[in-house]
Amino acid sequence: MKRILIVDDEFGIVEALVDVLGDEGYAVASARNGRDALKRVAEEAPDLIISDYMMPLMDGLELVDALQKQGTNVPFVLMTAVKLDQLPQGLKLAAILQKPFSLDALLDLVRQVLG
């Protein structure tokens, strides 16, 4: 069973994604910010991380940077409402999921990234 870590500070989004991905047969864990996510990654070794961009304490870009510095090669999907041309260039991401998105688009992306 593939494990997915959802990182977002908005409870409603986390709850919806956990339910939808769980119903699809994925083992889903969550974290409220990047700092919590680093702990979860160390404990659970997910197969995919789906993270919001804007969060308190450590945002999504800081999280992906920290993971890459640790040598963690988990595919990383960044969810954001920020326009793509406003994001830093050269990010090592599996994908960017532009908000708002449909659940079908999310599921298609997860299937594509996890194979």
PDB file of N, CA and C in Angstrom:
ATOM      1  N   MET A   1       0.850  -1.181   0.000  1.00  0.00           N
ATOM      2  CA  MET A   1       0.000   0.000   0.000  1.00  0.00           C
ATOM      3  C   MET A   1       0.894   1.242   0.000  1.00  0.00           C
ATOM      4  N   LYS A   2       0.637   2.138  -0.924  1.00  0.00           N
ATOM      5  CA  LYS A   2       1.417   3.377  -1.026  1.00  0.00           C
ATOM      6  C   LYS A   2       1.001   4.338   0.083  1.00  0.00           C
ATOM      7  N   ARG A   3       2.007   5.009   0.652  1.00  0.00           N
ATOM      8  CA  ARG A   3       1.767   5.956   1.749  1.00  0.00           C
ATOM      9  C   ARG A   3       1.922   7.386   1.236  1.00  0.00           C
ATOM     10  N   ILE A   4       0.957   8.223   1.596  1.00  0.00           N
ATOM     11  CA  ILE A   4       0.950   9.624   1.186  1.00  0.00           C
ATOM     12  C   ILE A   4       0.890  10.491   2.429  1.00  0.00           C
ATOM     13  N   LEU A   5       1.725  11.526   2.462  1.00  0.00           N
ATOM     14  CA  LEU A   5       1.701  12.501   3.542  1.00  0.00           C
ATOM     15  C   LEU A   5       1.100  13.791   3.009  1.00  0.00           C
ATOM     16  N   ILE A   6       0.022  14.248   3.638  1.00  0.00           N
ATOM     17  CA  ILE A   6      -0.620  15.517   3.306  1.00  0.00           C
ATOM     18  C   ILE A   6      -0.140  16.552   4.311  1.00  0.00           C
ATOM     19  N   VAL A   7       0.355  17.686   3.810  1.00  0.00           N
ATOM     20  CA  VAL A   7       0.856  18.748   4.685  1.00  0.00           C
ATOM     21  C   VAL A   7       0.080  20.022   4.374  1.00  0.00           C
ATOM     22  N   ASP A   8      -0.742  20.447   5.326  1.00  0.00           N
ATOM     23  CA  ASP A   8      -1.548  21.655   5.136  1.00  0.00           C
ATOM     24  C   ASP A   8      -2.043  22.126   6.490  1.00  0.00           C
ATOM     25  N   ASP A   9      -2.143  23.424   6.662  1.00  0.00           N
ATOM     26  CA  ASP A   9      -2.601  23.982   7.931  1.00  0.00           C
ATOM     27  C   ASP A   9      -4.114  24.179   7.968  1.00  0.00           C
ATOM     28  N   GLU A  10      -4.802  23.908   6.862  1.00  0.00           N
ATOM     29  CA  GLU A  10      -6.259  24.052   6.829  1.00  0.00           C
ATOM     30  C   GLU A  10      -6.907  22.687   7.056  1.00  0.00           C
ATOM     31  N   PHE A  11      -7.546  22.541   8.208  1.00  0.00           N
ATOM     32  CA  PHE A  11      -8.123  21.261   8.614  1.00  0.00           C
ATOM     33  C   PHE A  11      -9.077  20.694   7.571  1.00  0.00           C
ATOM     34  N   GLY A  12      -9.923  21.534   6.996  1.00  0.00           N
ATOM     35  CA  GLY A  12     -10.910  21.061   6.034  1.00  0.00           C
ATOM     36  C   GLY A  12     -10.280  20.440   4.801  1.00  0.00           C
ATOM     37  N   ILE A  13      -9.205  21.032   4.326  1.00  0.00           N
ATOM     38  CA  ILE A  13      -8.502  20.488   3.164  1.00  0.00           C
ATOM     39  C   ILE A  13      -7.858  19.160   3.515  1.00  0.00           C
ATOM     40  N   VAL A  14      -7.198  19.119   4.662  1.00  0.00           N
ATOM     41  CA  VAL A  14      -6.548  17.873   5.101  1.00  0.00           C
ATOM     42  C   VAL A  14      -7.584  16.767   5.224  1.00  0.00           C
ATOM     43  N   GLU A  15      -8.683  17.056   5.889  1.00  0.00           N
ATOM     44  CA  GLU A  15      -9.731  16.052   6.102  1.00  0.00           C
ATOM     45  C   GLU A  15     -10.274  15.521   4.776  1.00  0.00           C
ATOM     46  N   ALA A  16     -10.528  16.427   3.829  1.00  0.00           N
ATOM     47  CA  ALA A  16     -11.059  16.014   2.530  1.00  0.00           C
ATOM     48  C   ALA A  16     -10.053  15.147   1.773  1.00  0.00           C
ATOM     49  N   LEU A  17      -8.794  15.549   1.763  1.00  0.00           N
ATOM     50  CA  LEU A  17      -7.782  14.788   1.031  1.00  0.00           C
ATOM     51  C   LEU A  17      -7.524  13.429   1.683  1.00  0.00           C
ATOM     52  N   VAL A  18      -7.495  13.387   3.002  1.00  0.00           N
ATOM     53  CA  VAL A  18      -7.310  12.114   3.707  1.00  0.00           C
ATOM     54  C   VAL A  18      -8.455  11.164   3.362  1.00  0.00           C
ATOM     55  N   ASP A  19      -9.689  11.660   3.375  1.00  0.00           N
ATOM     56  CA  ASP A  19     -10.851  10.824   3.059  1.00  0.00           C
ATOM     57  C   ASP A  19     -10.805  10.311   1.622  1.00  0.00           C
ATOM     58  N   VAL A  20     -10.571  11.206   0.679  1.00  0.00           N
ATOM     59  CA  VAL A  20     -10.586  10.833  -0.740  1.00  0.00           C
ATOM     60  C   VAL A  20      -9.465   9.856  -1.063  1.00  0.00           C
ATOM     61  N   LEU A  21      -8.259  10.160  -0.604  1.00  0.00           N
ATOM     62  CA  LEU A  21      -7.123   9.277  -0.897  1.00  0.00           C
ATOM     63  C   LEU A  21      -7.229   7.955  -0.138  1.00  0.00           C
ATOM     64  N   GLY A  22      -7.758   8.001   1.069  1.00  0.00           N
ATOM     65  CA  GLY A  22      -7.988   6.773   1.827  1.00  0.00           C
ATOM     66  C   GLY A  22      -8.990   5.870   1.132  1.00  0.00           C
ATOM     67  N   ASP A  23     -10.050   6.466   0.588  1.00  0.00           N
ATOM     68  CA  ASP A  23     -11.056   5.698  -0.144  1.00  0.00           C
ATOM     69  C   ASP A  23     -10.474   5.041  -1.397  1.00  0.00           C
ATOM     70  N   GLU A  24      -9.393   5.614  -1.930  1.00  0.00           N
ATOM     71  CA  GLU A  24      -8.730   5.064  -3.113  1.00  0.00           C
ATOM     72  C   GLU A  24      -7.715   3.976  -2.754  1.00  0.00           C
ATOM     73  N   GLY A  25      -7.574   3.705  -1.457  1.00  0.00           N
ATOM     74  CA  GLY A  25      -6.702   2.623  -1.040  1.00  0.00           C
ATOM     75  C   GLY A  25      -5.300   3.030  -0.608  1.00  0.00           C
ATOM     76  N   TYR A  26      -5.067   4.323  -0.476  1.00  0.00           N
ATOM     77  CA  TYR A  26      -3.764   4.796  -0.014  1.00  0.00           C
ATOM     78  C   TYR A  26      -3.759   4.901   1.513  1.00  0.00           C
ATOM     79  N   ALA A  27      -2.609   4.675   2.114  1.00  0.00           N
ATOM     80  CA  ALA A  27      -2.432   4.946   3.541  1.00  0.00           C
ATOM     81  C   ALA A  27      -2.047   6.414   3.643  1.00  0.00           C
ATOM     82  N   VAL A  28      -2.846   7.197   4.353  1.00  0.00           N
ATOM     83  CA  VAL A  28      -2.653   8.646   4.358  1.00  0.00           C
ATOM     84  C   VAL A  28      -2.385   9.139   5.772  1.00  0.00           C
ATOM     85  N   ALA A  29      -1.331   9.951   5.906  1.00  0.00           N
ATOM     86  CA  ALA A  29      -1.001  10.624   7.161  1.00  0.00           C
ATOM     87  C   ALA A  29      -1.034  12.119   6.877  1.00  0.00           C
ATOM     88  N   SER A  30      -1.047  12.918   7.939  1.00  0.00           N
ATOM     89  CA  SER A  30      -1.086  14.365   7.737  1.00  0.00           C
ATOM     90  C   SER A  30      -0.172  15.076   8.717  1.00  0.00           C
ATOM     91  N   ALA A  31       0.187  16.284   8.340  1.00  0.00           N
ATOM     92  CA  ALA A  31       0.975  17.180   9.185  1.00  0.00           C
ATOM     93  C   ALA A  31       0.440  18.586   8.976  1.00  0.00           C
ATOM     94  N   ARG A  32       0.530  19.420  10.025  1.00  0.00           N
ATOM     95  CA  ARG A  32      -0.048  20.767   9.985  1.00  0.00           C
ATOM     96  C   ARG A  32       0.896  21.827   9.415  1.00  0.00           C
ATOM     97  N   ASN A  33       2.194  21.514   9.325  1.00  0.00           N
ATOM     98  CA  ASN A  33       3.163  22.472   8.772  1.00  0.00           C
ATOM     99  C   ASN A  33       4.427  21.696   8.395  1.00  0.00           C
ATOM    100  N   GLY A  34       5.388  22.406   7.834  1.00  0.00           N
ATOM    101  CA  GLY A  34       6.609  21.757   7.379  1.00  0.00           C
ATOM    102  C   GLY A  34       7.422  21.113   8.487  1.00  0.00           C
ATOM    103  N   ARG A  35       7.474  21.734   9.634  1.00  0.00           N
ATOM    104  CA  ARG A  35       8.231  21.151  10.755  1.00  0.00           C
ATOM    105  C   ARG A  35       7.647  19.808  11.178  1.00  0.00           C
ATOM    106  N   ASP A  36       6.331  19.769  11.303  1.00  0.00           N
ATOM    107  CA  ASP A  36       5.676  18.502  11.655  1.00  0.00           C
ATOM    108  C   ASP A  36       5.893  17.465  10.550  1.00  0.00           C
ATOM    109  N   ALA A  37       5.892  17.927   9.314  1.00  0.00           N
ATOM    110  CA  ALA A  37       6.083  17.016   8.185  1.00  0.00           C
ATOM    111  C   ALA A  37       7.464  16.378   8.216  1.00  0.00           C
ATOM    112  N   LEU A  38       8.487  17.121   8.578  1.00  0.00           N
ATOM    113  CA  LEU A  38       9.833  16.550   8.660  1.00  0.00           C
ATOM    114  C   LEU A  38       9.874  15.400   9.652  1.00  0.00           C
ATOM    115  N   LYS A  39       9.180  15.560  10.776  1.00  0.00           N
ATOM    116  CA  LYS A  39       9.115  14.479  11.768  1.00  0.00           C
ATOM    117  C   LYS A  39       8.372  13.270  11.202  1.00  0.00           C
ATOM    118  N   ARG A  40       7.260  13.529  10.518  1.00  0.00           N
ATOM    119  CA  ARG A  40       6.464  12.424   9.961  1.00  0.00           C
ATOM    120  C   ARG A  40       7.239  11.669   8.888  1.00  0.00           C
ATOM    121  N   VAL A  41       7.986  12.397   8.065  1.00  0.00           N
ATOM    122  CA  VAL A  41       8.776  11.757   7.015  1.00  0.00           C
ATOM    123  C   VAL A  41       9.816  10.831   7.637  1.00  0.00           C
ATOM    124  N   ALA A  42      10.449  11.286   8.702  1.00  0.00           N
ATOM    125  CA  ALA A  42      11.459  10.470   9.380  1.00  0.00           C
ATOM    126  C   ALA A  42      10.835   9.215   9.997  1.00  0.00           C
ATOM    127  N   GLU A  43       9.608   9.332  10.477  1.00  0.00           N
ATOM    128  CA  GLU A  43       8.933   8.211  11.144  1.00  0.00           C
ATOM    129  C   GLU A  43       8.301   7.220  10.162  1.00  0.00           C
ATOM    130  N   GLU A  44       7.744   7.726   9.073  1.00  0.00           N
ATOM    131  CA  GLU A  44       6.879   6.901   8.244  1.00  0.00           C
ATOM    132  C   GLU A  44       7.351   6.675   6.820  1.00  0.00           C
ATOM    133  N   ALA A  45       8.345   7.397   6.336  1.00  0.00           N
ATOM    134  CA  ALA A  45       8.866   7.230   4.974  1.00  0.00           C
ATOM    135  C   ALA A  45       7.752   7.146   3.927  1.00  0.00           C
ATOM    136  N   PRO A  46       7.063   8.251   3.650  1.00  0.00           N
ATOM    137  CA  PRO A  46       5.982   8.207   2.669  1.00  0.00           C
ATOM    138  C   PRO A  46       6.505   7.982   1.251  1.00  0.00           C
ATOM    139  N   ASP A  47       5.605   7.551   0.374  1.00  0.00           N
ATOM    140  CA  ASP A  47       5.922   7.376  -1.039  1.00  0.00           C
ATOM    141  C   ASP A  47       5.654   8.646  -1.831  1.00  0.00           C
ATOM    142  N   LEU A  48       4.867   9.563  -1.241  1.00  0.00           N
ATOM    143  CA  LEU A  48       4.510  10.821  -1.883  1.00  0.00           C
ATOM    144  C   LEU A  48       4.175  11.840  -0.808  1.00  0.00           C
ATOM    145  N   ILE A  49       4.598  13.083  -1.029  1.00  0.00           N
ATOM    146  CA  ILE A  49       4.222  14.190  -0.154  1.00  0.00           C
ATOM    147  C   ILE A  49       3.432  15.192  -0.984  1.00  0.00           C
ATOM    148  N   ILE A  50       2.268  15.564  -0.478  1.00  0.00           N
ATOM    149  CA  ILE A  50       1.449  16.613  -1.094  1.00  0.00           C
ATOM    150  C   ILE A  50       1.359  17.721  -0.067  1.00  0.00           C
ATOM    151  N   SER A  51       1.939  18.875  -0.397  1.00  0.00           N
ATOM    152  CA  SER A  51       2.046  19.951   0.584  1.00  0.00           C
ATOM    153  C   SER A  51       1.506  21.265   0.049  1.00  0.00           C
ATOM    154  N   ASP A  52       0.863  21.988   0.940  1.00  0.00           N
ATOM    155  CA  ASP A  52       0.470  23.357   0.649  1.00  0.00           C
ATOM    156  C   ASP A  52       1.733  24.207   0.584  1.00  0.00           C
ATOM    157  N   TYR A  53       1.651  25.320  -0.098  1.00  0.00           N
ATOM    158  CA  TYR A  53       2.772  26.250  -0.164  1.00  0.00           C
ATOM    159  C   TYR A  53       2.808  27.138   1.083  1.00  0.00           C
ATOM    160  N   MET A  54       1.722  27.849   1.336  1.00  0.00           N
ATOM    161  CA  MET A  54       1.706  28.832   2.418  1.00  0.00           C
ATOM    162  C   MET A  54       1.191  28.214   3.710  1.00  0.00           C
ATOM    163  N   MET A  55       2.101  28.089   4.688  1.00  0.00           N
ATOM    164  CA  MET A  55       1.775  27.544   6.012  1.00  0.00           C
ATOM    165  C   MET A  55       2.642  28.248   7.047  1.00  0.00           C
ATOM    166  N   PRO A  56       2.201  28.254   8.303  1.00  0.00           N
ATOM    167  CA  PRO A  56       3.031  28.847   9.360  1.00  0.00           C
ATOM    168  C   PRO A  56       4.215  27.941   9.715  1.00  0.00           C
ATOM    169  N   LEU A  57       5.181  28.498  10.383  1.00  0.00           N
ATOM    170  CA  LEU A  57       6.374  27.824  10.898  1.00  0.00           C
ATOM    171  C   LEU A  57       7.353  27.414   9.804  1.00  0.00           C
ATOM    172  N   MET A  58       6.910  26.627   8.840  1.00  0.00           N
ATOM    173  CA  MET A  58       7.744  26.226   7.712  1.00  0.00           C
ATOM    174  C   MET A  58       6.823  25.995   6.523  1.00  0.00           C
ATOM    175  N   ASP A  59       6.995  26.789   5.472  1.00  0.00           N
ATOM    176  CA  ASP A  59       6.094  26.660   4.327  1.00  0.00           C
ATOM    177  C   ASP A  59       6.531  25.508   3.416  1.00  0.00           C
ATOM    178  N   GLY A  60       5.772  25.289   2.359  1.00  0.00           N
ATOM    179  CA  GLY A  60       6.031  24.170   1.469  1.00  0.00           C
ATOM    180  C   GLY A  60       7.376  24.233   0.774  1.00  0.00           C
ATOM    181  N   LEU A  61       7.804  25.435   0.380  1.00  0.00           N
ATOM    182  CA  LEU A  61       9.107  25.559  -0.278  1.00  0.00           C
ATOM    183  C   LEU A  61      10.248  25.301   0.698  1.00  0.00           C
ATOM    184  N   GLU A  62      10.097  25.763   1.916  1.00  0.00           N
ATOM    185  CA  GLU A  62      11.114  25.482   2.933  1.00  0.00           C
ATOM    186  C   GLU A  62      11.161  23.983   3.240  1.00  0.00           C
ATOM    187  N   LEU A  63      10.006  23.345   3.219  1.00  0.00           N
ATOM    188  CA  LEU A  63       9.942  21.909   3.472  1.00  0.00           C
ATOM    189  C   LEU A  63      10.657  21.129   2.373  1.00  0.00           C
ATOM    190  N   VAL A  64      10.358  21.423   1.115  1.00  0.00           N
ATOM    191  CA  VAL A  64      11.004  20.684   0.026  1.00  0.00           C
ATOM    192  C   VAL A  64      12.509  20.931   0.034  1.00  0.00           C
ATOM    193  N   ASP A  65      12.922  22.145   0.369  1.00  0.00           N
ATOM    194  CA  ASP A  65      14.348  22.456   0.460  1.00  0.00           C
ATOM    195  C   ASP A  65      15.013  21.645   1.577  1.00  0.00           C
ATOM    196  N   ALA A  66      14.377  21.595   2.740  1.00  0.00           N
ATOM    197  CA  ALA A  66      14.923  20.839   3.874  1.00  0.00           C
ATOM    198  C   ALA A  66      15.017  19.352   3.544  1.00  0.00           C
ATOM    199  N   LEU A  67      14.006  18.812   2.896  1.00  0.00           N
ATOM    200  CA  LEU A  67      14.019  17.397   2.531  1.00  0.00           C
ATOM    201  C   LEU A  67      15.137  17.095   1.540  1.00  0.00           C
ATOM    202  N   GLN A  68      15.324  17.978   0.574  1.00  0.00           N
ATOM    203  CA  GLN A  68      16.374  17.762  -0.412  1.00  0.00           C
ATOM    204  C   GLN A  68      17.760  17.872   0.222  1.00  0.00           C
ATOM    205  N   LYS A  69      17.927  18.764   1.166  1.00  0.00           N
ATOM    206  CA  LYS A  69      19.208  18.888   1.863  1.00  0.00           C
ATOM    207  C   LYS A  69      19.504  17.637   2.690  1.00  0.00           C
ATOM    208  N   GLN A  70      18.451  16.969   3.167  1.00  0.00           N
ATOM    209  CA  GLN A  70      18.608  15.722   3.921  1.00  0.00           C
ATOM    210  C   GLN A  70      18.849  14.526   3.001  1.00  0.00           C
ATOM    211  N   GLY A  71      18.681  14.737   1.721  1.00  0.00           N
ATOM    212  CA  GLY A  71      18.848  13.640   0.772  1.00  0.00           C
ATOM    213  C   GLY A  71      17.598  12.802   0.581  1.00  0.00           C
ATOM    214  N   THR A  72      16.466  13.307   1.027  1.00  0.00           N
ATOM    215  CA  THR A  72      15.192  12.602   0.875  1.00  0.00           C
ATOM    216  C   THR A  72      14.701  12.767  -0.564  1.00  0.00           C
ATOM    217  N   ASN A  73      14.413  11.662  -1.213  1.00  0.00           N
ATOM    218  CA  ASN A  73      14.011  11.704  -2.618  1.00  0.00           C
ATOM    219  C   ASN A  73      12.550  11.322  -2.818  1.00  0.00           C
ATOM    220  N   VAL A  74      11.708  11.695  -1.894  1.00  0.00           N
ATOM    221  CA  VAL A  74      10.276  11.402  -1.991  1.00  0.00           C
ATOM    222  C   VAL A  74       9.658  12.376  -2.997  1.00  0.00           C
ATOM    223  N   PRO A  75       8.861  11.889  -3.949  1.00  0.00           N
ATOM    224  CA  PRO A  75       8.180  12.811  -4.866  1.00  0.00           C
ATOM    225  C   PRO A  75       7.354  13.827  -4.075  1.00  0.00           C
ATOM    226  N   PHE A  76       7.403  15.084  -4.505  1.00  0.00           N
ATOM    227  CA  PHE A  76       6.798  16.189  -3.773  1.00  0.00           C
ATOM    228  C   PHE A  76       5.874  16.953  -4.711  1.00  0.00           C
ATOM    229  N   VAL A  77       4.599  17.049  -4.331  1.00  0.00           N
ATOM    230  CA  VAL A  77       3.615  17.826  -5.076  1.00  0.00           C
ATOM    231  C   VAL A  77       3.280  19.054  -4.248  1.00  0.00           C
ATOM    232  N   LEU A  78       3.431  20.222  -4.846  1.00  0.00           N
ATOM    233  CA  LEU A  78       3.143  21.492  -4.167  1.00  0.00           C
ATOM    234  C   LEU A  78       1.767  21.978  -4.579  1.00  0.00           C
ATOM    235  N   MET A  79       0.883  22.196  -3.595  1.00  0.00           N
ATOM    236  CA  MET A  79      -0.435  22.785  -3.844  1.00  0.00           C
ATOM    237  C   MET A  79      -0.316  24.282  -3.581  1.00  0.00           C
ATOM    238  N   THR A  80      -0.801  25.090  -4.517  1.00  0.00           N
ATOM    239  CA  THR A  80      -0.697  26.524  -4.319  1.00  0.00           C
ATOM    240  C   THR A  80      -1.724  27.300  -5.135  1.00  0.00           C
ATOM    241  N   ALA A  81      -2.129  28.434  -4.589  1.00  0.00           N
ATOM    242  CA  ALA A  81      -2.965  29.374  -5.321  1.00  0.00           C
ATOM    243  C   ALA A  81      -2.100  30.456  -5.962  1.00  0.00           C
ATOM    244  N   VAL A  82      -0.813  30.459  -5.644  1.00  0.00           N
ATOM    245  CA  VAL A  82       0.120  31.428  -6.217  1.00  0.00           C
ATOM    246  C   VAL A  82       0.286  31.117  -7.698  1.00  0.00           C
ATOM    247  N   LYS A  83       0.344  32.159  -8.512  1.00  0.00           N
ATOM    248  CA  LYS A  83       0.536  31.956  -9.946  1.00  0.00           C
ATOM    249  C   LYS A  83       1.896  31.320 -10.189  1.00  0.00           C
ATOM    250  N   LEU A  84       1.923  30.419 -11.139  1.00  0.00           N
ATOM    251  CA  LEU A  84       3.135  29.645 -11.402  1.00  0.00           C
ATOM    252  C   LEU A  84       4.344  30.520 -11.703  1.00  0.00           C
ATOM    253  N   ASP A  85       4.131  31.640 -12.396  1.00  0.00           N
ATOM    254  CA  ASP A  85       5.268  32.504 -12.731  1.00  0.00           C
ATOM    255  C   ASP A  85       5.802  33.271 -11.520  1.00  0.00           C
ATOM    256  N   GLN A  86       5.119  33.185 -10.391  1.00  0.00           N
ATOM    257  CA  GLN A  86       5.586  33.846  -9.165  1.00  0.00           C
ATOM    258  C   GLN A  86       6.349  32.897  -8.250  1.00  0.00           C
ATOM    259  N   LEU A  87       6.414  31.624  -8.618  1.00  0.00           N
ATOM    260  CA  LEU A  87       7.161  30.650  -7.827  1.00  0.00           C
ATOM    261  C   LEU A  87       8.633  30.685  -8.235  1.00  0.00           C
ATOM    262  N   PRO A  88       9.525  30.366  -7.309  1.00  0.00           N
ATOM    263  CA  PRO A  88      10.944  30.313  -7.657  1.00  0.00           C
ATOM    264  C   PRO A  88      11.196  29.272  -8.749  1.00  0.00           C
ATOM    265  N   GLN A  89      12.162  29.531  -9.601  1.00  0.00           N
ATOM    266  CA  GLN A  89      12.511  28.592 -10.662  1.00  0.00           C
ATOM    267  C   GLN A  89      13.445  27.515 -10.115  1.00  0.00           C
ATOM    268  N   GLY A  90      13.482  26.387 -10.779  1.00  0.00           N
ATOM    269  CA  GLY A  90      14.411  25.328 -10.420  1.00  0.00           C
ATOM    270  C   GLY A  90      13.991  24.452  -9.256  1.00  0.00           C
ATOM    271  N   LEU A  91      12.732  24.516  -8.874  1.00  0.00           N
ATOM    272  CA  LEU A  91      12.258  23.667  -7.782  1.00  0.00           C
ATOM    273  C   LEU A  91      12.252  22.209  -8.240  1.00  0.00           C
ATOM    274  N   LYS A  92      12.669  21.321  -7.369  1.00  0.00           N
ATOM    275  CA  LYS A  92      12.661  19.889  -7.683  1.00  0.00           C
ATOM    276  C   LYS A  92      11.355  19.295  -7.169  1.00  0.00           C
ATOM    277  N   LEU A  93      10.329  19.450  -7.986  1.00  0.00           N
ATOM    278  CA  LEU A  93       8.993  18.990  -7.620  1.00  0.00           C
ATOM    279  C   LEU A  93       8.508  17.949  -8.616  1.00  0.00           C
ATOM    280  N   ALA A  94       7.718  17.007  -8.138  1.00  0.00           N
ATOM    281  CA  ALA A  94       7.084  16.058  -9.046  1.00  0.00           C
ATOM    282  C   ALA A  94       6.007  16.769  -9.858  1.00  0.00           C
ATOM    283  N   ALA A  95       5.321  17.727  -9.216  1.00  0.00           N
ATOM    284  CA  ALA A  95       4.252  18.468  -9.882  1.00  0.00           C
ATOM    285  C   ALA A  95       3.828  19.648  -9.016  1.00  0.00           C
ATOM    286  N   ILE A  96       3.127  20.571  -9.649  1.00  0.00           N
ATOM    287  CA  ILE A  96       2.473  21.670  -8.938  1.00  0.00           C
ATOM    288  C   ILE A  96       0.981  21.529  -9.202  1.00  0.00           C
ATOM    289  N   LEU A  97       0.211  21.535  -8.133  1.00  0.00           N
ATOM    290  CA  LEU A  97      -1.241  21.419  -8.232  1.00  0.00           C
ATOM    291  C   LEU A  97      -1.825  22.794  -7.936  1.00  0.00           C
ATOM    292  N   GLN A  98      -2.309  23.432  -8.980  1.00  0.00           N
ATOM    293  CA  GLN A  98      -2.823  24.795  -8.868  1.00  0.00           C
ATOM    294  C   GLN A  98      -4.193  24.790  -8.204  1.00  0.00           C
ATOM    295  N   LYS A  99      -4.327  25.581  -7.127  1.00  0.00           N
ATOM    296  CA  LYS A  99      -5.614  25.724  -6.440  1.00  0.00           C
ATOM    297  C   LYS A  99      -6.455  26.772  -7.154  1.00  0.00           C
ATOM    298  N   PRO A 100      -7.745  26.614  -7.201  1.00  0.00           N
ATOM    299  CA  PRO A 100      -8.518  25.453  -6.757  1.00  0.00           C
ATOM    300  C   PRO A 100      -8.369  24.315  -7.763  1.00  0.00           C
ATOM    301  N   PHE A 101      -8.467  23.090  -7.271  1.00  0.00           N
ATOM    302  CA  PHE A 101      -8.343  21.919  -8.136  1.00  0.00           C
ATOM    303  C   PHE A 101      -9.502  20.975  -7.844  1.00  0.00           C
ATOM    304  N   SER A 102      -9.775  20.123  -8.823  1.00  0.00           N
ATOM    305  CA  SER A 102     -10.834  19.121  -8.621  1.00  0.00           C
ATOM    306  C   SER A 102     -10.223  17.878  -7.984  1.00  0.00           C
ATOM    307  N   LEU A 103     -11.041  17.116  -7.313  1.00  0.00           N
ATOM    308  CA  LEU A 103     -10.569  15.870  -6.717  1.00  0.00           C
ATOM    309  C   LEU A 103     -10.131  14.881  -7.799  1.00  0.00           C
ATOM    310  N   ASP A 104     -10.796  14.925  -8.957  1.00  0.00           N
ATOM    311  CA  ASP A 104     -10.386  14.061 -10.065  1.00  0.00           C
ATOM    312  C   ASP A 104      -8.983  14.421 -10.538  1.00  0.00           C
ATOM    313  N   ALA A 105      -8.685  15.722 -10.617  1.00  0.00           N
ATOM    314  CA  ALA A 105      -7.343  16.155 -11.026  1.00  0.00           C
ATOM    315  C   ALA A 105      -6.304  15.696 -10.008  1.00  0.00           C
ATOM    316  N   LEU A 106      -6.648  15.784  -8.732  1.00  0.00           N
ATOM    317  CA  LEU A 106      -5.737  15.312  -7.681  1.00  0.00           C
ATOM    318  C   LEU A 106      -5.482  13.820  -7.830  1.00  0.00           C
ATOM    319  N   LEU A 107      -6.532  13.035  -7.976  1.00  0.00           N
ATOM    320  CA  LEU A 107      -6.375  11.584  -8.076  1.00  0.00           C
ATOM    321  C   LEU A 107      -5.588  11.193  -9.319  1.00  0.00           C
ATOM    322  N   ASP A 108      -5.839  11.863 -10.443  1.00  0.00           N
ATOM    323  CA  ASP A 108      -5.077  11.589 -11.662  1.00  0.00           C
ATOM    324  C   ASP A 108      -3.600  11.885 -11.449  1.00  0.00           C
ATOM    325  N   LEU A 109      -3.304  12.987 -10.780  1.00  0.00           N
ATOM    326  CA  LEU A 109      -1.922  13.359 -10.525  1.00  0.00           C
ATOM    327  C   LEU A 109      -1.237  12.358  -9.591  1.00  0.00           C
ATOM    328  N   VAL A 110      -1.941  11.942  -8.550  1.00  0.00           N
ATOM    329  CA  VAL A 110      -1.368  10.961  -7.611  1.00  0.00           C
ATOM    330  C   VAL A 110      -1.071   9.654  -8.342  1.00  0.00           C
ATOM    331  N   ARG A 111      -2.004   9.198  -9.165  1.00  0.00           N
ATOM    332  CA  ARG A 111      -1.781   7.958  -9.930  1.00  0.00           C
ATOM    333  C   ARG A 111      -0.588   8.089 -10.868  1.00  0.00           C
ATOM    334  N   GLN A 112      -0.493   9.247 -11.501  1.00  0.00           N
ATOM    335  CA  GLN A 112       0.610   9.494 -12.433  1.00  0.00           C
ATOM    336  C   GLN A 112       1.957   9.488 -11.704  1.00  0.00           C
ATOM    337  N   VAL A 113       2.047  10.166 -10.557  1.00  0.00           N
ATOM    338  CA  VAL A 113       3.310  10.270  -9.822  1.00  0.00           C
ATOM    339  C   VAL A 113       3.692   8.933  -9.211  1.00  0.00           C
ATOM    340  N   LEU A 114       2.721   8.213  -8.664  1.00  0.00           N
ATOM    341  CA  LEU A 114       3.031   6.942  -7.993  1.00  0.00           C
ATOM    342  C   LEU A 114       3.116   5.752  -8.955  1.00  0.00           C
ATOM    343  N   GLY A 115       2.650   5.961 -10.176  1.00  0.00           N
ATOM    344  CA  GLY A 115       2.767   4.904 -11.183  1.00  0.00           C
ATOM    345  C   GLY A 115       1.740   3.824 -11.101  1.00  0.00           C
TER     346      GLY A 115
END
